[in-house]
Protein backbone atom coordinates (compact mmCIF):
# COMPACT_ATOMS: atom_id res chain seq x y z
CA MET A 1 -0.04 0.09 -0.12
CA ARG A 2 2.76 2.23 0.71
CA ALA A 3 4.22 1.67 -2.95
CA VAL A 4 0.45 3.13 -4.07
CA LEU A 5 0.89 6.20 -1.82
CA GLY A 6 4.21 6.94 -3.13
CA LEU A 7 3.33 6.54 -6.63
CA LEU A 8 0.27 9.12 -5.77
CA VAL A 9 2.47 11.24 -4.49
CA LEU A 10 5.62 10.69 -7.20
CA VAL A 11 2.46 11.20 -10.32
CA PHE A 12 0.52 14.31 -8.70
CA GLY A 13 3.59 16.05 -7.58
CA LEU A 14 5.48 15.83 -11.06
CA SER A 15 1.80 17.10 -12.35
CA LEU A 16 1.64 20.38 -10.33
CA PRO A 17 1.24 23.52 -12.29
CA ALA A 18 4.20 26.29 -12.04
CA ALA A 19 3.35 28.93 -10.14
CA ALA A 20 2.30 31.22 -12.72
CA ALA A 21 0.85 28.97 -15.49
CA GLU A 22 0.68 30.40 -19.01
CA ARG A 23 -2.85 28.72 -19.82
CA THR A 24 -6.24 28.90 -18.94
CA LEU A 25 -8.65 26.38 -18.99
CA ASP A 26 -10.25 28.14 -21.39
CA ASP A 27 -7.69 27.63 -24.10
CA PHE A 28 -8.61 23.88 -24.24
CA TYR A 29 -12.06 23.95 -24.81
CA GLY A 30 -13.01 22.68 -28.13
CA THR A 31 -13.23 19.94 -30.46
CA TYR A 32 -10.57 17.83 -31.73
CA LEU A 33 -10.02 14.73 -34.31
CA GLY A 34 -7.33 12.83 -35.37
CA HIS A 35 -5.34 9.93 -35.11
CA GLY A 36 -2.08 8.23 -33.97
CA SER A 37 -0.85 4.42 -32.78
CA GLU A 38 1.00 2.92 -29.96
CA GLU A 39 4.58 3.11 -29.05
CA THR A 40 7.46 0.63 -28.39
CA VAL A 41 7.18 -0.31 -24.57
CA GLY A 42 9.98 -1.40 -22.65
CA GLY A 43 12.06 -2.02 -25.71
CA GLU A 44 9.22 -4.21 -27.38
CA ALA A 45 7.55 -3.02 -30.26
CA PRO A 46 3.28 -3.27 -30.06
CA LYS A 47 2.08 -6.77 -30.99
CA SER A 48 0.11 -5.94 -34.09
CA LYS A 49 0.04 -2.67 -36.08
CA MET A 50 -2.74 -0.93 -34.58
CA THR A 51 -3.96 2.74 -35.58
CA ARG A 52 -6.15 4.73 -33.54
CA PHE A 53 -9.02 7.76 -34.33
CA SER A 54 -10.10 9.69 -31.77
CA GLN A 55 -12.17 12.59 -31.15
CA VAL A 56 -11.53 14.87 -27.88
CA ILE A 57 -14.32 17.11 -26.38
CA ILE A 58 -13.27 19.63 -23.75
CA ARG A 59 -16.42 22.02 -22.65
CA PRO A 60 -16.97 24.24 -19.69
CA ALA A 61 -19.09 22.41 -16.62
CA LYS A 62 -20.48 25.44 -15.21
CA ASP A 63 -21.80 24.42 -12.30
CA GLU A 64 -18.39 22.61 -11.28
CA ARG A 65 -16.34 25.52 -11.86
CA GLY A 66 -14.48 22.74 -14.15
CA PHE A 67 -15.08 21.01 -17.22
CA THR A 68 -16.20 18.22 -18.82
CA ILE A 69 -14.17 15.62 -21.27
CA GLU A 70 -15.38 13.26 -23.58
CA TRP A 71 -13.36 11.30 -25.85
CA SER A 72 -14.11 8.59 -28.09
CA THR A 73 -11.53 6.09 -29.69
CA LEU A 74 -11.54 3.81 -32.76
CA LYS A 75 -9.05 1.14 -32.93
CA LEU A 76 -8.12 -0.33 -36.57
CA GLU A 77 -5.91 -3.43 -36.09
CA GLY A 78 -3.52 -4.10 -39.52
CA ASP A 79 -4.19 -2.36 -42.86
CA GLU A 80 -7.76 -3.91 -43.37
CA LEU A 81 -11.41 -2.00 -42.36
CA PRO A 82 -12.82 -4.48 -39.57
CA LYS A 83 -16.12 -6.08 -39.97
CA GLU A 84 -17.12 -4.48 -36.70
CA ALA A 85 -15.62 -1.12 -35.47
CA ASP A 86 -13.89 -1.36 -31.95
CA THR A 87 -15.34 2.41 -30.92
CA LYS A 88 -15.10 3.54 -26.92
CA THR A 89 -16.45 6.59 -25.67
CA TYR A 90 -15.62 8.29 -22.14
CA VAL A 91 -17.08 10.99 -20.46
CA GLN A 92 -15.48 12.61 -16.87
CA THR A 93 -16.68 15.97 -15.42
CA PHE A 94 -13.93 17.97 -13.15
CA ARG A 95 -14.73 20.41 -10.57
CA GLY A 96 -12.02 22.97 -9.89
CA THR A 97 -10.55 23.11 -6.47
CA GLU A 98 -8.93 26.19 -4.13
CA ARG A 99 -5.66 25.75 -6.17
CA PRO A 100 -5.37 27.15 -9.40
CA ASN A 101 -5.60 24.97 -12.80
CA VAL A 102 -6.14 21.87 -10.29
CA PHE A 103 -9.64 20.01 -10.95
CA ARG A 104 -11.21 16.57 -9.38
CA ASP A 105 -13.41 14.47 -11.04
CA VAL A 106 -16.79 14.88 -9.67
CA THR A 107 -16.88 10.79 -8.81
CA SER A 108 -13.64 10.73 -7.66
CA GLY A 109 -13.36 7.98 -4.81
CA ASP A 110 -10.73 6.53 -2.45
CA PRO A 111 -8.88 4.22 -3.99
CA ASN A 112 -8.40 2.12 -0.78
CA LEU A 113 -12.11 1.73 -0.87
CA GLY A 114 -12.21 0.18 -4.47
CA ALA A 115 -13.27 3.55 -6.39
CA ASP A 116 -11.16 4.91 -8.64
CA ALA A 117 -9.25 8.58 -7.99
CA SER A 118 -9.00 10.91 -10.48
CA TRP A 119 -7.91 14.37 -11.17
CA ALA A 120 -6.70 16.93 -13.38
CA VAL A 121 -3.87 19.53 -13.59
CA ILE A 122 -2.82 22.21 -16.18
CA ASN A 123 0.84 22.79 -16.57
CA GLY A 124 2.14 25.08 -19.33
CA ASP A 125 0.51 23.91 -22.64
CA THR A 126 -0.49 20.46 -20.88
CA LEU A 127 -3.81 19.17 -19.60
CA SER A 128 -3.18 16.08 -17.78
CA ILE A 129 -5.18 13.67 -16.28
CA VAL A 130 -4.15 11.05 -14.25
CA GLN A 131 -6.82 8.01 -12.62
CA VAL A 132 -5.56 5.19 -10.28
CA SER A 133 -7.17 2.57 -9.74
CA VAL A 134 -6.57 -0.21 -6.89
CA ALA A 135 -7.75 -3.95 -7.09
CA PRO A 136 -8.94 -6.03 -4.23
CA ASP A 137 -5.61 -7.87 -4.30
CA GLY A 138 -3.76 -4.60 -3.63
CA ASN A 139 -2.63 -4.32 -7.38
CA TYR A 140 -2.72 -1.21 -8.92
CA PHE A 141 -3.12 1.03 -12.35
CA VAL A 142 -2.25 4.17 -13.09
CA VAL A 143 -3.56 5.60 -16.82
CA HIS A 144 -2.20 9.31 -17.13
CA TYR A 145 -3.35 11.30 -20.12
CA ASP A 146 -1.03 14.53 -21.31
CA ARG A 147 -3.18 16.45 -23.57
CA THR A 148 -0.68 19.36 -25.05
CA LEU A 149 -1.86 22.07 -27.17
CA THR A 150 0.26 22.63 -30.64
CA ALA A 151 -0.34 25.42 -33.11
CA MET A 152 -2.88 23.02 -35.15
CA GLY A 153 -4.63 21.17 -32.09
CA MET A 154 -3.12 19.21 -29.43
CA ASP A 155 -1.10 15.99 -29.10
CA VAL A 156 -2.16 13.17 -26.82
CA ARG A 157 0.02 10.87 -24.97
CA PHE A 158 -1.67 7.98 -23.08
CA THR A 159 0.57 6.01 -20.93
CA ARG A 160 -1.24 3.07 -18.39
CA PHE A 161 0.91 1.68 -15.78
CA GLU A 162 0.45 -1.83 -13.92
CA ASN A 163 2.16 -1.75 -10.82
CA SER A 164 4.90 0.63 -11.58
CA ARG A 165 5.60 -1.06 -15.19
CA ILE A 166 4.41 0.74 -18.36
CA VAL A 167 2.37 -1.32 -20.31
CA ARG A 168 0.71 0.46 -22.84
CA ALA A 169 1.83 3.88 -24.66
CA ILE A 170 0.16 5.66 -27.26
CA LYS A 171 0.63 9.00 -28.86
CA LEU A 172 -1.98 10.85 -31.18
CA SER A 173 -1.71 14.16 -33.11
CA LEU A 174 -5.39 15.75 -33.20
CA LEU A 175 -6.76 18.98 -35.00
CA LYS A 176 -8.57 21.36 -33.56
CA GLY A 177 -12.39 21.98 -35.11
CA PRO A 178 -13.54 25.01 -36.11
CA ALA A 179 -15.78 25.67 -33.91
CA LYS A 180 -15.67 26.36 -30.05
CA VAL A 181 -17.31 24.23 -27.63
CA ASN A 182 -19.84 26.00 -25.35
């Protein structure tokens, strides 16, 4: 359990914003669309060529002084179009905290009691979202998204840890849509 707490402190500590953040939450609002693929993890290339197409929508959650993020991912394996689409959609709402540019998932709980804990932080051009889960046997899982604004949209880096070992890393490049999401 100390390892879980240590990892939480490490991940959260690395995610804390600098004293004067250059970006505000408003800068991240919008619709982004693009694609990417899995990266090599631990010297091993991904088992199969997997392309991911993704859409990310970030909009205000006014009642929470925060934001809602919705993202959908379509996975395509190999060069052939699938007979059935492997698409998943997720939605999270984050509430502002007393700390500038730090947000807490409205459904966040205590990982030691079987509930996921999730928070978001803006650090420069990057909106990071971290989720920690602890299994009943004490094994833990951390999912970390860095969504970094670029001149054309945003780059997304997804990393999944299982007991401090990176098991999946994905990089996506997304273009920002023409309309601002309200």
